[in-house]
Each structure stands twice: as structure tokens, then as C-alpha cells.
Amino acid sequence: MQNSDDGARARAIVTALAEQAVGPLAMLDALATAFGTVPEAAVAPLAEAIGVDRFEARAIMLFHRDFRADPGRRHVVRPCRAERCRQRGGWEIADRFAAALGIGWYETTADGRVTLEPAYCLGLCDHGPSAAIDDEVAMRLDRIGAEALVARVTGRDGSTGA
């Protein structure tokens, strides 16, 4: 979750770096260092600083998702939101992930262990609905499978969550 100071803080970091004529990667690195992740509040200042629209700034942030990872965030859950997985019940599975984690898209659980991000095609169209958890994929998910994955990544299944 973000607090109300995140936007001002992100803007200050990006503005200071823009004045030094650094590129977006250095900005993302500085934001990740300051926040432990690149917050959603950084989208607008980043877009302004590098001269792109907000959609492109968010795409840069997502493409460089390693900059979003911090040592405390252990897992990124990415349910597929593409049409083929949708036809196979993928959106309901994605909603199940969100409900089980208690967060929305691009949010991180309060303990910082799990972030929920959409994937727009994992290339597993014949095996959907699917999701990626970090670098591992899960195929042919159903409600029970989604809940089991959430239990594993949160440590609610008795594991360490790793």
C-alpha cells in the first residue's frame, strides 16, 4: 500500500535525477532503493521526466520489473489476463488470487511478501488458465489450485513462502 507522501517523494527523486540528465533506468533504480519498490505514484513523474505518456512509463516500469523487486518482496504472482485464458475462466482465477491475497492489481501484501501483477499472455494458451509465480508457471488452474498457490507463496501452507 502507498501512503500519501509517496507521490511527493517519488516526484522529488525523479526531478532531482532529471536535472542530472540521467536516464529512466537510473531513475527506476533510485526509486526502488528509496521505496523498496517502484511505487505506482512514480508513474506520472517518470512519464514527465522522460517525455512519454503514463502508459509508456508504466510499461517501462513493468518491463524492468527487477527494479520493482526489493529484498523483502519475495514473490510476484502474475495471472494471465489474455483472451484465451479469459475464455477458460482465467479472469475468475485472477480474481481469486486478488481475493485470497487481499490486494488489487499492482499492489503488494502488507507484509511485503507478494505482489499481484497481470500477465498479458504467458504463451500457454492451450493450457490455461495459467499464471506465473516469479519464474515458475502454473497451468490449468482452478479455484483450488489458485488458493494452493497463494497458500504456498504466503507461507500459509506451513512452508516458509519461498
N, C-alpha and C. Protein backbone atom coordinates (compact mmCIF):
# COMPACT_ATOMS: atom_id res chain seq x y z
N MET A 1 0.83 -1.18 0.00
CA MET A 1 0.00 0.00 0.00
C MET A 1 0.88 1.25 0.00
N GLN A 2 0.38 2.28 -0.61
CA GLN A 2 1.11 3.53 -0.66
C GLN A 2 0.55 4.48 0.37
N ASN A 3 1.42 5.34 0.89
CA ASN A 3 0.89 6.39 1.74
C ASN A 3 0.84 7.68 0.93
N SER A 4 0.26 8.70 1.50
CA SER A 4 0.02 9.94 0.75
C SER A 4 1.30 10.69 0.40
N ASP A 5 2.40 10.37 1.07
CA ASP A 5 3.66 11.05 0.80
C ASP A 5 4.44 10.43 -0.37
N ASP A 6 4.01 9.25 -0.84
CA ASP A 6 4.75 8.56 -1.89
C ASP A 6 4.86 9.39 -3.17
N GLY A 7 3.78 10.06 -3.55
CA GLY A 7 3.79 10.85 -4.78
C GLY A 7 4.79 11.99 -4.72
N ALA A 8 4.78 12.73 -3.62
CA ALA A 8 5.70 13.86 -3.47
C ALA A 8 7.15 13.37 -3.41
N ARG A 9 7.36 12.30 -2.69
CA ARG A 9 8.70 11.74 -2.55
C ARG A 9 9.21 11.21 -3.90
N ALA A 10 8.35 10.50 -4.64
CA ALA A 10 8.75 9.99 -5.95
C ALA A 10 9.05 11.14 -6.90
N ARG A 11 8.21 12.16 -6.88
CA ARG A 11 8.44 13.32 -7.75
C ARG A 11 9.77 14.00 -7.43
N ALA A 12 10.09 14.13 -6.15
CA ALA A 12 11.35 14.77 -5.76
C ALA A 12 12.55 13.97 -6.26
N ILE A 13 12.48 12.66 -6.14
CA ILE A 13 13.58 11.80 -6.59
C ILE A 13 13.75 11.91 -8.10
N VAL A 14 12.64 11.79 -8.83
CA VAL A 14 12.70 11.83 -10.29
C VAL A 14 13.15 13.20 -10.78
N THR A 15 12.65 14.26 -10.17
CA THR A 15 13.03 15.62 -10.58
C THR A 15 14.52 15.85 -10.37
N ALA A 16 15.02 15.44 -9.22
CA ALA A 16 16.45 15.62 -8.93
C ALA A 16 17.31 14.88 -9.96
N LEU A 17 16.90 13.68 -10.31
CA LEU A 17 17.68 12.90 -11.28
C LEU A 17 17.52 13.44 -12.69
N ALA A 18 16.33 13.95 -13.02
CA ALA A 18 16.12 14.54 -14.35
C ALA A 18 17.03 15.76 -14.54
N GLU A 19 17.24 16.51 -13.47
CA GLU A 19 18.13 17.68 -13.54
C GLU A 19 19.57 17.26 -13.79
N GLN A 20 19.90 16.03 -13.42
CA GLN A 20 21.25 15.50 -13.66
C GLN A 20 21.34 14.80 -15.02
N ALA A 21 20.24 14.81 -15.76
CA ALA A 21 20.15 14.22 -17.10
C ALA A 21 20.46 12.72 -17.10
N VAL A 22 19.97 12.02 -16.07
CA VAL A 22 20.13 10.57 -16.06
C VAL A 22 18.95 9.94 -16.79
N GLY A 23 19.10 8.71 -17.20
CA GLY A 23 18.06 8.01 -17.94
C GLY A 23 17.07 7.32 -17.02
N PRO A 24 16.05 6.69 -17.63
CA PRO A 24 14.99 6.06 -16.85
C PRO A 24 15.47 4.91 -15.97
N LEU A 25 16.49 4.17 -16.40
CA LEU A 25 16.96 3.06 -15.57
C LEU A 25 17.53 3.55 -14.25
N ALA A 26 18.29 4.63 -14.31
CA ALA A 26 18.84 5.20 -13.07
C ALA A 26 17.71 5.72 -12.18
N MET A 27 16.67 6.27 -12.80
CA MET A 27 15.52 6.74 -12.02
C MET A 27 14.81 5.57 -11.34
N LEU A 28 14.60 4.50 -12.10
CA LEU A 28 13.95 3.32 -11.53
C LEU A 28 14.78 2.73 -10.39
N ASP A 29 16.08 2.69 -10.58
CA ASP A 29 16.97 2.17 -9.55
C ASP A 29 16.88 3.03 -8.29
N ALA A 30 16.90 4.34 -8.45
CA ALA A 30 16.81 5.24 -7.29
C ALA A 30 15.47 5.10 -6.58
N LEU A 31 14.39 4.98 -7.35
CA LEU A 31 13.07 4.80 -6.75
C LEU A 31 12.99 3.48 -5.99
N ALA A 32 13.52 2.41 -6.60
CA ALA A 32 13.50 1.11 -5.94
C ALA A 32 14.32 1.13 -4.66
N THR A 33 15.43 1.84 -4.68
CA THR A 33 16.26 1.94 -3.48
C THR A 33 15.53 2.73 -2.39
N ALA A 34 14.88 3.81 -2.77
CA ALA A 34 14.19 4.66 -1.79
C ALA A 34 12.95 3.99 -1.21
N PHE A 35 12.19 3.29 -2.04
CA PHE A 35 10.90 2.73 -1.61
C PHE A 35 10.94 1.23 -1.36
N GLY A 36 11.97 0.57 -1.85
CA GLY A 36 11.99 -0.89 -1.80
C GLY A 36 11.26 -1.48 -2.99
N THR A 37 10.67 -0.62 -3.79
CA THR A 37 9.94 -0.99 -5.00
C THR A 37 9.68 0.31 -5.75
N VAL A 38 9.27 0.23 -6.99
CA VAL A 38 8.90 1.45 -7.71
C VAL A 38 7.40 1.62 -7.52
N PRO A 39 6.99 2.63 -6.76
CA PRO A 39 5.57 2.79 -6.44
C PRO A 39 4.75 3.30 -7.63
N GLU A 40 3.48 2.99 -7.59
CA GLU A 40 2.56 3.47 -8.63
C GLU A 40 2.59 5.00 -8.71
N ALA A 41 2.86 5.64 -7.59
CA ALA A 41 2.91 7.11 -7.55
C ALA A 41 4.04 7.67 -8.41
N ALA A 42 4.97 6.84 -8.84
CA ALA A 42 6.09 7.30 -9.65
C ALA A 42 5.75 7.36 -11.14
N VAL A 43 4.61 6.84 -11.54
CA VAL A 43 4.28 6.78 -12.97
C VAL A 43 4.24 8.18 -13.58
N ALA A 44 3.48 9.08 -13.01
CA ALA A 44 3.34 10.42 -13.60
C ALA A 44 4.67 11.19 -13.62
N PRO A 45 5.41 11.26 -12.51
CA PRO A 45 6.68 11.98 -12.58
C PRO A 45 7.68 11.35 -13.55
N LEU A 46 7.70 10.04 -13.61
CA LEU A 46 8.59 9.36 -14.55
C LEU A 46 8.21 9.69 -15.99
N ALA A 47 6.92 9.65 -16.27
CA ALA A 47 6.44 9.97 -17.62
C ALA A 47 6.85 11.38 -18.03
N GLU A 48 6.64 12.33 -17.14
CA GLU A 48 7.01 13.72 -17.43
C GLU A 48 8.51 13.88 -17.64
N ALA A 49 9.30 13.22 -16.80
CA ALA A 49 10.75 13.38 -16.85
C ALA A 49 11.36 12.81 -18.12
N ILE A 50 10.81 11.71 -18.61
CA ILE A 50 11.43 11.10 -19.79
C ILE A 50 10.65 11.38 -21.08
N GLY A 51 9.57 12.15 -20.96
CA GLY A 51 8.85 12.60 -22.15
C GLY A 51 7.99 11.56 -22.82
N VAL A 52 7.33 10.72 -22.03
CA VAL A 52 6.42 9.72 -22.58
C VAL A 52 5.08 9.85 -21.86
N ASP A 53 4.07 9.16 -22.38
CA ASP A 53 2.79 9.20 -21.67
C ASP A 53 2.82 8.19 -20.51
N ARG A 54 1.79 8.24 -19.68
CA ARG A 54 1.76 7.38 -18.48
C ARG A 54 1.74 5.90 -18.83
N PHE A 55 1.07 5.55 -19.92
CA PHE A 55 1.02 4.16 -20.34
C PHE A 55 2.44 3.65 -20.63
N GLU A 56 3.21 4.44 -21.37
CA GLU A 56 4.57 4.04 -21.70
C GLU A 56 5.46 4.00 -20.46
N ALA A 57 5.27 4.95 -19.55
CA ALA A 57 6.06 4.94 -18.31
C ALA A 57 5.76 3.69 -17.50
N ARG A 58 4.49 3.32 -17.40
CA ARG A 58 4.12 2.10 -16.67
C ARG A 58 4.70 0.87 -17.37
N ALA A 59 4.69 0.87 -18.69
CA ALA A 59 5.26 -0.25 -19.44
C ALA A 59 6.76 -0.39 -19.16
N ILE A 60 7.46 0.72 -19.09
CA ILE A 60 8.89 0.69 -18.76
C ILE A 60 9.09 0.12 -17.36
N MET A 61 8.25 0.56 -16.42
CA MET A 61 8.35 0.05 -15.06
C MET A 61 8.11 -1.45 -15.02
N LEU A 62 7.11 -1.92 -15.76
CA LEU A 62 6.79 -3.34 -15.75
C LEU A 62 7.83 -4.16 -16.49
N PHE A 63 8.34 -3.62 -17.60
CA PHE A 63 9.36 -4.34 -18.36
C PHE A 63 10.61 -4.53 -17.51
N HIS A 64 10.93 -3.53 -16.76
CA HIS A 64 12.10 -3.58 -15.89
C HIS A 64 11.66 -3.94 -14.48
N ARG A 65 10.88 -5.01 -14.36
CA ARG A 65 10.29 -5.34 -13.07
C ARG A 65 11.32 -5.73 -12.03
N ASP A 66 12.53 -6.06 -12.45
CA ASP A 66 13.56 -6.35 -11.46
C ASP A 66 13.83 -5.11 -10.60
N PHE A 67 13.60 -3.93 -11.16
CA PHE A 67 13.78 -2.72 -10.37
C PHE A 67 12.68 -2.58 -9.33
N ARG A 68 11.59 -3.28 -9.54
CA ARG A 68 10.47 -3.20 -8.61
C ARG A 68 10.66 -4.15 -7.43
N ALA A 69 11.54 -5.12 -7.59
CA ALA A 69 11.72 -6.12 -6.54
C ALA A 69 12.66 -5.57 -5.47
N ASP A 70 12.31 -5.82 -4.24
CA ASP A 70 13.18 -5.45 -3.14
C ASP A 70 13.45 -6.70 -2.33
N PRO A 71 14.44 -6.67 -1.46
CA PRO A 71 14.78 -7.88 -0.72
C PRO A 71 13.62 -8.42 0.11
N GLY A 72 12.70 -7.57 0.55
CA GLY A 72 11.59 -8.03 1.37
C GLY A 72 10.46 -8.62 0.55
N ARG A 73 10.39 -8.30 -0.74
CA ARG A 73 9.32 -8.83 -1.58
C ARG A 73 9.80 -10.13 -2.18
N ARG A 74 9.16 -11.18 -1.84
CA ARG A 74 9.65 -12.48 -2.22
C ARG A 74 9.01 -13.01 -3.50
N HIS A 75 7.76 -12.66 -3.78
CA HIS A 75 7.06 -13.28 -4.90
C HIS A 75 6.24 -12.28 -5.72
N VAL A 76 6.18 -12.52 -7.01
CA VAL A 76 5.29 -11.77 -7.90
C VAL A 76 4.36 -12.79 -8.53
N VAL A 77 3.06 -12.64 -8.30
CA VAL A 77 2.04 -13.52 -8.87
C VAL A 77 1.46 -12.79 -10.07
N ARG A 78 1.50 -13.45 -11.25
CA ARG A 78 1.07 -12.82 -12.49
C ARG A 78 0.06 -13.71 -13.21
N PRO A 79 -1.22 -13.64 -12.85
CA PRO A 79 -2.24 -14.41 -13.58
C PRO A 79 -2.39 -13.89 -15.01
N CYS A 80 -2.60 -14.80 -15.94
CA CYS A 80 -2.76 -14.41 -17.34
C CYS A 80 -4.12 -13.74 -17.54
N ARG A 81 -4.11 -12.59 -18.22
CA ARG A 81 -5.32 -11.84 -18.50
C ARG A 81 -5.64 -11.83 -20.00
N ALA A 82 -4.96 -12.67 -20.77
CA ALA A 82 -5.19 -12.71 -22.21
C ALA A 82 -6.53 -13.39 -22.53
N GLU A 83 -6.98 -13.18 -23.74
CA GLU A 83 -8.31 -13.63 -24.15
C GLU A 83 -8.50 -15.14 -24.00
N ARG A 84 -7.54 -15.93 -24.42
CA ARG A 84 -7.72 -17.38 -24.36
C ARG A 84 -7.86 -17.88 -22.93
N CYS A 85 -7.04 -17.35 -22.02
CA CYS A 85 -7.18 -17.74 -20.61
C CYS A 85 -8.51 -17.22 -20.05
N ARG A 86 -8.92 -16.04 -20.51
CA ARG A 86 -10.21 -15.49 -20.08
C ARG A 86 -11.34 -16.45 -20.45
N GLN A 87 -11.31 -16.96 -21.67
CA GLN A 87 -12.34 -17.89 -22.12
C GLN A 87 -12.37 -19.16 -21.30
N ARG A 88 -11.26 -19.50 -20.71
CA ARG A 88 -11.16 -20.72 -19.90
C ARG A 88 -11.33 -20.44 -18.40
N GLY A 89 -11.80 -19.25 -18.06
CA GLY A 89 -12.06 -18.92 -16.66
C GLY A 89 -10.91 -18.22 -15.96
N GLY A 90 -9.97 -17.73 -16.72
CA GLY A 90 -8.79 -17.09 -16.15
C GLY A 90 -9.05 -15.83 -15.36
N TRP A 91 -10.04 -15.05 -15.78
CA TRP A 91 -10.31 -13.82 -15.04
C TRP A 91 -10.88 -14.13 -13.67
N GLU A 92 -11.67 -15.18 -13.57
CA GLU A 92 -12.19 -15.60 -12.26
C GLU A 92 -11.05 -16.10 -11.38
N ILE A 93 -10.11 -16.79 -11.99
CA ILE A 93 -8.93 -17.27 -11.25
C ILE A 93 -8.12 -16.07 -10.77
N ALA A 94 -7.94 -15.08 -11.64
CA ALA A 94 -7.20 -13.88 -11.26
C ALA A 94 -7.90 -13.18 -10.10
N ASP A 95 -9.23 -13.10 -10.15
CA ASP A 95 -9.98 -12.51 -9.04
C ASP A 95 -9.79 -13.30 -7.77
N ARG A 96 -9.67 -14.62 -7.90
CA ARG A 96 -9.45 -15.49 -6.74
C ARG A 96 -8.09 -15.18 -6.11
N PHE A 97 -7.06 -14.99 -6.94
CA PHE A 97 -5.75 -14.60 -6.42
C PHE A 97 -5.86 -13.30 -5.63
N ALA A 98 -6.51 -12.30 -6.22
CA ALA A 98 -6.64 -10.99 -5.56
C ALA A 98 -7.38 -11.12 -4.23
N ALA A 99 -8.47 -11.85 -4.23
CA ALA A 99 -9.26 -12.02 -3.00
C ALA A 99 -8.46 -12.77 -1.93
N ALA A 100 -7.78 -13.82 -2.33
CA ALA A 100 -7.02 -14.61 -1.36
C ALA A 100 -5.84 -13.82 -0.79
N LEU A 101 -5.25 -12.96 -1.61
CA LEU A 101 -4.14 -12.13 -1.14
C LEU A 101 -4.62 -10.88 -0.42
N GLY A 102 -5.86 -10.48 -0.68
CA GLY A 102 -6.40 -9.27 -0.06
C GLY A 102 -5.83 -7.99 -0.65
N ILE A 103 -5.45 -8.04 -1.94
CA ILE A 103 -4.87 -6.87 -2.61
C ILE A 103 -5.44 -6.75 -4.01
N GLY A 104 -5.21 -5.61 -4.65
CA GLY A 104 -5.61 -5.39 -6.03
C GLY A 104 -4.40 -5.45 -6.94
N TRP A 105 -4.65 -5.18 -8.22
CA TRP A 105 -3.58 -5.19 -9.21
C TRP A 105 -2.50 -4.18 -8.86
N TYR A 106 -1.27 -4.56 -9.05
CA TYR A 106 -0.08 -3.74 -8.80
C TYR A 106 0.10 -3.41 -7.32
N GLU A 107 -0.56 -4.14 -6.46
CA GLU A 107 -0.39 -3.92 -5.03
C GLU A 107 0.43 -5.05 -4.43
N THR A 108 0.99 -4.77 -3.27
CA THR A 108 1.80 -5.73 -2.53
C THR A 108 1.14 -5.96 -1.19
N THR A 109 1.16 -7.20 -0.73
CA THR A 109 0.56 -7.52 0.57
C THR A 109 1.24 -6.69 1.65
N ALA A 110 0.54 -6.48 2.75
CA ALA A 110 1.03 -5.63 3.84
C ALA A 110 2.38 -6.10 4.37
N ASP A 111 2.63 -7.39 4.34
CA ASP A 111 3.92 -7.91 4.82
C ASP A 111 5.02 -7.81 3.77
N GLY A 112 4.68 -7.33 2.57
CA GLY A 112 5.67 -7.15 1.52
C GLY A 112 6.11 -8.42 0.82
N ARG A 113 5.42 -9.53 1.06
CA ARG A 113 5.86 -10.81 0.52
C ARG A 113 5.35 -11.12 -0.88
N VAL A 114 4.20 -10.57 -1.28
CA VAL A 114 3.60 -10.95 -2.56
C VAL A 114 3.03 -9.72 -3.27
N THR A 115 3.33 -9.60 -4.56
CA THR A 115 2.78 -8.54 -5.40
C THR A 115 1.95 -9.20 -6.49
N LEU A 116 0.82 -8.58 -6.82
CA LEU A 116 -0.08 -9.09 -7.86
C LEU A 116 0.01 -8.20 -9.09
N GLU A 117 0.42 -8.78 -10.20
CA GLU A 117 0.53 -8.05 -11.46
C GLU A 117 -0.11 -8.89 -12.56
N PRO A 118 -0.78 -8.27 -13.52
CA PRO A 118 -1.34 -9.05 -14.62
C PRO A 118 -0.26 -9.46 -15.63
N ALA A 119 -0.46 -10.59 -16.25
CA ALA A 119 0.36 -11.00 -17.39
C ALA A 119 -0.57 -10.98 -18.60
N TYR A 120 -0.08 -10.50 -19.71
CA TYR A 120 -0.90 -10.46 -20.91
C TYR A 120 -0.32 -11.45 -21.92
N CYS A 121 -0.58 -12.69 -21.65
CA CYS A 121 -0.23 -13.89 -22.41
C CYS A 121 1.11 -14.45 -21.95
N LEU A 122 1.02 -15.64 -21.41
CA LEU A 122 2.20 -16.37 -20.98
C LEU A 122 2.61 -17.41 -22.03
N GLY A 123 1.88 -17.45 -23.15
CA GLY A 123 2.19 -18.39 -24.21
C GLY A 123 1.74 -19.81 -23.90
N LEU A 124 0.80 -19.94 -23.00
CA LEU A 124 0.30 -21.26 -22.60
C LEU A 124 -1.18 -21.38 -22.92
N CYS A 125 -1.57 -20.87 -24.06
CA CYS A 125 -2.98 -20.75 -24.41
C CYS A 125 -3.74 -22.07 -24.38
N ASP A 126 -3.10 -23.16 -24.73
CA ASP A 126 -3.78 -24.45 -24.72
C ASP A 126 -3.80 -25.09 -23.33
N HIS A 127 -3.16 -24.44 -22.38
CA HIS A 127 -3.06 -25.00 -21.04
C HIS A 127 -3.62 -24.05 -19.98
N GLY A 128 -4.42 -23.10 -20.39
CA GLY A 128 -4.95 -22.09 -19.47
C GLY A 128 -6.14 -22.60 -18.69
N PRO A 129 -6.54 -21.83 -17.72
CA PRO A 129 -5.91 -20.58 -17.29
C PRO A 129 -4.55 -20.84 -16.63
N SER A 130 -3.66 -19.88 -16.80
CA SER A 130 -2.31 -20.03 -16.29
C SER A 130 -1.90 -18.79 -15.50
N ALA A 131 -0.83 -18.94 -14.78
CA ALA A 131 -0.26 -17.84 -14.01
C ALA A 131 1.23 -18.08 -13.87
N ALA A 132 1.98 -17.01 -13.71
CA ALA A 132 3.40 -17.12 -13.40
C ALA A 132 3.59 -16.65 -11.97
N ILE A 133 4.32 -17.42 -11.23
CA ILE A 133 4.70 -17.05 -9.87
C ILE A 133 6.21 -16.97 -9.92
N ASP A 134 6.72 -15.75 -9.87
CA ASP A 134 8.13 -15.49 -10.10
C ASP A 134 8.48 -16.04 -11.49
N ASP A 135 9.38 -16.98 -11.57
CA ASP A 135 9.77 -17.53 -12.87
C ASP A 135 9.15 -18.90 -13.14
N GLU A 136 8.24 -19.32 -12.30
CA GLU A 136 7.57 -20.62 -12.44
C GLU A 136 6.16 -20.40 -12.99
N VAL A 137 5.72 -21.30 -13.85
CA VAL A 137 4.36 -21.18 -14.38
C VAL A 137 3.48 -22.28 -13.82
N ALA A 138 2.21 -21.95 -13.67
CA ALA A 138 1.20 -22.92 -13.25
C ALA A 138 0.15 -22.93 -14.34
N MET A 139 -0.25 -24.13 -14.77
CA MET A 139 -1.19 -24.27 -15.87
C MET A 139 -2.46 -24.97 -15.41
N ARG A 140 -3.51 -24.79 -16.22
CA ARG A 140 -4.81 -25.42 -15.97
C ARG A 140 -5.28 -25.18 -14.55
N LEU A 141 -5.20 -23.92 -14.15
CA LEU A 141 -5.57 -23.55 -12.79
C LEU A 141 -7.08 -23.59 -12.60
N ASP A 142 -7.47 -23.96 -11.42
CA ASP A 142 -8.86 -23.86 -10.99
C ASP A 142 -8.84 -23.14 -9.64
N ARG A 143 -9.99 -22.97 -9.03
CA ARG A 143 -10.09 -22.26 -7.76
C ARG A 143 -9.17 -22.88 -6.71
N ILE A 144 -9.18 -24.18 -6.60
CA ILE A 144 -8.38 -24.87 -5.58
C ILE A 144 -6.89 -24.70 -5.86
N GLY A 145 -6.50 -24.81 -7.12
CA GLY A 145 -5.10 -24.63 -7.48
C GLY A 145 -4.61 -23.22 -7.20
N ALA A 146 -5.46 -22.24 -7.49
CA ALA A 146 -5.09 -20.84 -7.22
C ALA A 146 -4.92 -20.62 -5.73
N GLU A 147 -5.84 -21.15 -4.94
CA GLU A 147 -5.74 -20.98 -3.49
C GLU A 147 -4.52 -21.70 -2.93
N ALA A 148 -4.17 -22.85 -3.49
CA ALA A 148 -2.98 -23.58 -3.05
C ALA A 148 -1.71 -22.78 -3.36
N LEU A 149 -1.68 -22.15 -4.53
CA LEU A 149 -0.51 -21.32 -4.87
C LEU A 149 -0.39 -20.13 -3.94
N VAL A 150 -1.51 -19.50 -3.63
CA VAL A 150 -1.48 -18.37 -2.68
C VAL A 150 -0.98 -18.85 -1.33
N ALA A 151 -1.47 -19.99 -0.88
CA ALA A 151 -1.03 -20.53 0.40
C ALA A 151 0.48 -20.78 0.39
N ARG A 152 1.00 -21.27 -0.73
CA ARG A 152 2.43 -21.55 -0.82
C ARG A 152 3.26 -20.27 -0.78
N VAL A 153 2.89 -19.26 -1.58
CA VAL A 153 3.71 -18.05 -1.65
C VAL A 153 3.58 -17.18 -0.41
N THR A 154 2.50 -17.31 0.32
CA THR A 154 2.33 -16.53 1.54
C THR A 154 2.82 -17.27 2.77
N GLY A 155 3.13 -18.55 2.61
CA GLY A 155 3.58 -19.34 3.74
C GLY A 155 2.43 -19.87 4.59
N ARG A 156 1.19 -19.69 4.12
CA ARG A 156 0.02 -20.15 4.87
C ARG A 156 -0.14 -21.67 4.83
N ASP A 157 0.67 -22.34 4.01
CA ASP A 157 0.60 -23.79 3.93
C ASP A 157 1.60 -24.46 4.87
N GLY A 158 2.23 -23.64 5.71
CA GLY A 158 3.21 -24.17 6.65
C GLY A 158 4.63 -24.07 6.14
N SER A 159 4.80 -23.67 4.88
CA SER A 159 6.15 -23.51 4.33
C SER A 159 6.68 -22.13 4.71
N THR A 160 7.86 -21.83 4.27
CA THR A 160 8.46 -20.52 4.54
C THR A 160 8.01 -19.49 3.52
N GLY A 161 7.26 -19.92 2.51
CA GLY A 161 6.82 -19.00 1.47
C GLY A 161 7.81 -18.82 0.37
N ALA A 162 8.86 -19.58 0.40
CA ALA A 162 9.90 -19.45 -0.63
C ALA A 162 9.69 -20.43 -1.74
